[in-house]
N, C-alpha and C. Protein backbone atom coordinates (compact mmCIF):
# COMPACT_ATOMS: atom_id res chain seq x y z
N MET A 1 -1.46 -44.17 -39.40
CA MET A 1 -0.95 -44.74 -38.54
C MET A 1 -2.49 -45.22 -37.73
N ASN A 2 -2.59 -46.43 -37.41
CA ASN A 2 -3.46 -46.88 -36.76
C ASN A 2 -3.52 -46.92 -35.03
N ARG A 3 -4.13 -47.64 -34.44
CA ARG A 3 -4.53 -47.49 -32.85
C ARG A 3 -3.46 -48.58 -32.76
N SER A 4 -3.31 -49.76 -33.36
CA SER A 4 -2.30 -50.77 -32.91
C SER A 4 -0.54 -50.52 -33.13
N PHE A 5 -0.24 -49.31 -33.90
CA PHE A 5 0.93 -48.64 -33.97
C PHE A 5 1.04 -47.81 -32.55
N PHE A 6 -0.02 -47.19 -32.26
CA PHE A 6 0.52 -46.67 -31.13
C PHE A 6 0.65 -47.48 -29.46
N ALA A 7 -0.34 -48.40 -29.70
CA ALA A 7 -0.27 -49.48 -28.75
C ALA A 7 1.29 -50.30 -28.54
N ARG A 8 1.71 -50.48 -29.70
CA ARG A 8 3.06 -51.19 -29.79
C ARG A 8 4.43 -50.11 -29.57
N GLU A 9 3.98 -49.17 -29.88
CA GLU A 9 5.20 -47.79 -29.86
C GLU A 9 4.99 -46.75 -29.11
N TRP A 10 4.17 -46.78 -28.11
CA TRP A 10 3.87 -45.81 -27.23
C TRP A 10 5.03 -45.09 -26.51
N GLY A 11 6.12 -45.90 -26.31
CA GLY A 11 7.27 -45.13 -25.46
C GLY A 11 7.72 -44.07 -26.91
N ALA A 12 7.93 -44.61 -27.91
CA ALA A 12 8.49 -43.98 -28.87
C ALA A 12 7.80 -42.55 -29.18
N VAL A 13 6.67 -42.86 -29.15
CA VAL A 13 5.49 -41.50 -29.56
C VAL A 13 5.82 -40.89 -28.44
N THR A 14 5.89 -41.27 -27.18
CA THR A 14 6.05 -40.17 -26.07
C THR A 14 7.29 -39.43 -25.92
N PHE A 15 8.47 -40.26 -26.58
CA PHE A 15 9.62 -39.56 -26.88
C PHE A 15 9.60 -38.41 -27.70
N VAL A 16 9.18 -38.94 -28.80
CA VAL A 16 9.24 -37.38 -29.90
C VAL A 16 8.21 -36.31 -29.60
N LEU A 17 7.02 -37.01 -28.98
CA LEU A 17 6.21 -35.84 -28.34
C LEU A 17 7.16 -34.73 -27.40
N THR A 18 7.79 -35.69 -26.37
CA THR A 18 8.38 -34.61 -25.35
C THR A 18 9.66 -33.74 -26.07
N VAL A 19 10.35 -34.45 -26.85
CA VAL A 19 11.47 -33.91 -27.62
C VAL A 19 10.89 -32.48 -28.29
N LEU A 20 9.83 -32.87 -29.33
CA LEU A 20 9.18 -31.58 -30.05
C LEU A 20 8.57 -30.42 -29.21
N LEU A 21 7.95 -30.88 -27.61
CA LEU A 21 7.46 -29.84 -26.92
C LEU A 21 8.96 -29.08 -26.37
N GLY A 22 10.19 -29.88 -26.21
CA GLY A 22 11.14 -29.31 -25.61
C GLY A 22 11.54 -28.15 -26.71
N ILE A 23 11.67 -28.66 -28.02
CA ILE A 23 12.11 -27.71 -29.01
C ILE A 23 11.32 -26.42 -28.76
N VAL A 24 9.98 -26.35 -28.37
CA VAL A 24 9.38 -25.00 -27.94
C VAL A 24 9.45 -24.22 -26.66
N ILE A 25 9.74 -25.18 -25.80
CA ILE A 25 9.51 -24.65 -24.22
C ILE A 25 11.15 -24.42 -24.10
N VAL A 26 12.31 -24.80 -24.31
CA VAL A 26 13.84 -24.32 -24.02
C VAL A 26 13.92 -23.09 -24.62
N PRO A 27 13.86 -22.76 -25.90
CA PRO A 27 14.15 -21.38 -26.40
C PRO A 27 13.27 -20.24 -25.51
N ILE A 28 12.06 -20.58 -25.43
CA ILE A 28 11.26 -19.67 -24.46
C ILE A 28 11.65 -19.35 -23.36
N ALA A 29 12.07 -20.12 -22.43
CA ALA A 29 12.59 -20.46 -21.55
C ALA A 29 14.07 -19.53 -21.17
N LEU A 30 14.60 -19.60 -22.24
CA LEU A 30 16.12 -19.15 -22.28
C LEU A 30 15.93 -17.62 -22.56
N VAL A 31 15.09 -17.30 -23.22
CA VAL A 31 14.90 -15.99 -23.78
C VAL A 31 14.33 -14.94 -22.60
N LEU A 32 13.46 -15.79 -22.00
CA LEU A 32 12.59 -15.01 -20.59
C LEU A 32 13.67 -15.02 -19.52
N GLY A 33 14.32 -16.06 -19.33
CA GLY A 33 15.37 -16.21 -17.98
C GLY A 33 16.55 -15.46 -18.54
N ASN A 34 17.07 -15.01 -19.35
CA ASN A 34 18.23 -14.20 -19.54
C ASN A 34 17.88 -12.79 -20.02
N LYS A 35 16.87 -12.01 -19.51
CA LYS A 35 16.64 -10.61 -19.61
C LYS A 35 17.70 -9.95 -18.66
N PRO A 36 18.30 -8.75 -19.27
CA PRO A 36 19.07 -8.22 -18.27
C PRO A 36 18.07 -7.40 -17.01
N PRO A 37 19.23 -7.57 -15.96
CA PRO A 37 18.35 -6.61 -14.94
C PRO A 37 18.27 -5.18 -15.00
N PRO A 38 17.05 -4.26 -14.87
CA PRO A 38 16.56 -3.15 -14.86
C PRO A 38 17.56 -2.33 -14.30
N PRO A 39 17.93 -1.21 -15.07
CA PRO A 39 18.78 -0.15 -14.64
C PRO A 39 18.41 0.34 -13.50
N GLN A 40 19.58 0.41 -12.59
CA GLN A 40 19.21 1.18 -11.09
C GLN A 40 19.08 2.52 -10.92
N ALA A 41 18.38 3.13 -10.12
CA ALA A 41 17.69 4.27 -10.05
C ALA A 41 19.22 5.25 -9.59
N LEU A 42 19.32 6.27 -10.00
CA LEU A 42 20.36 7.12 -9.59
C LEU A 42 20.02 7.39 -8.11
N PRO A 43 20.92 7.80 -7.61
CA PRO A 43 20.40 8.66 -6.28
C PRO A 43 20.48 10.12 -6.40
N THR A 44 19.24 10.60 -5.93
CA THR A 44 19.02 11.92 -5.98
C THR A 44 19.95 12.82 -5.29
N PRO A 45 20.36 13.83 -5.73
CA PRO A 45 21.30 14.83 -4.66
C PRO A 45 20.40 15.19 -3.23
N THR A 46 21.02 15.64 -2.25
CA THR A 46 20.18 15.87 -1.14
C THR A 46 20.51 17.65 -1.33
N PRO A 47 19.52 18.39 -0.86
CA PRO A 47 19.35 19.75 -0.66
C PRO A 47 20.42 20.30 -0.02
N THR A 48 21.08 21.29 -0.15
CA THR A 48 22.22 21.62 0.86
C THR A 48 21.55 22.82 1.83
N ILE A 49 21.90 22.69 3.14
CA ILE A 49 21.34 23.86 4.20
C ILE A 49 22.55 24.87 4.28
N SER A 50 22.22 26.14 4.37
CA SER A 50 22.79 27.35 4.46
C SER A 50 23.36 27.26 5.77
N ALA A 51 24.28 27.53 6.02
CA ALA A 51 25.04 27.51 7.25
C ALA A 51 24.74 28.88 8.08
N SER A 52 24.25 29.79 7.44
CA SER A 52 24.08 31.29 8.09
C SER A 52 22.89 30.75 9.24
N PRO A 53 22.60 31.27 10.26
CA PRO A 53 21.80 31.16 11.32
C PRO A 53 20.60 32.21 10.72
N SER A 54 19.40 31.95 11.10
CA SER A 54 18.12 32.54 10.80
C SER A 54 18.34 33.59 11.90
N PRO A 55 17.16 34.66 11.54
CA PRO A 55 17.40 35.77 12.67
C PRO A 55 16.46 35.18 14.15
N ALA A 56 15.84 34.58 13.82
CA ALA A 56 15.37 34.05 15.19
C ALA A 56 15.97 32.99 15.86
N ALA A 57 17.24 32.53 15.31
CA ALA A 57 17.96 31.50 16.09
C ALA A 57 18.95 32.51 16.87
N THR A 58 18.97 33.73 16.91
CA THR A 58 20.20 34.81 17.40
C THR A 58 19.44 34.97 18.84
N ALA A 59 20.10 34.88 19.73
CA ALA A 59 20.11 35.20 21.32
C ALA A 59 20.14 36.71 21.33
N GLN A 60 18.92 37.03 21.70
CA GLN A 60 18.83 38.54 21.87
C GLN A 60 18.15 38.80 23.27
N PRO A 61 18.85 39.64 24.29
CA PRO A 61 18.63 40.12 25.36
C PRO A 61 17.25 40.36 25.25
N SER A 62 16.28 39.83 26.37
CA SER A 62 14.86 40.44 26.21
C SER A 62 14.49 41.62 27.43
N PRO A 63 13.82 42.90 27.24
CA PRO A 63 13.81 43.91 27.91
C PRO A 63 13.12 43.18 29.36
N SER A 64 13.67 43.80 30.47
CA SER A 64 13.20 43.28 31.60
C SER A 64 11.75 43.91 32.07
N PRO A 65 10.95 43.29 32.83
CA PRO A 65 9.69 43.77 32.93
C PRO A 65 9.79 45.00 33.72
N THR A 66 10.77 44.73 35.01
CA THR A 66 10.92 46.01 35.60
C THR A 66 11.94 46.78 35.44
N ALA A 67 11.93 47.72 34.61
CA ALA A 67 13.15 48.53 34.37
C ALA A 67 13.60 49.78 35.67
N ARG A 68 14.64 49.81 36.00
CA ARG A 68 14.75 50.56 37.53
C ARG A 68 15.71 51.36 36.79
């Protein structure tokens, strides 16, 4: 292939190079574009709170400062 061939047929050469480049790039794009999404994280259970009141929460009468 000499220089005069490329001068006459530059459009055909460009087309062939574009097609060859597409043969490589399109499969790579399809593989990278069709990855499944990562699995979603499962929600962690919240700790249960006991319903029994703590001893400090119960109301106790305080002794009066002036006992008669």
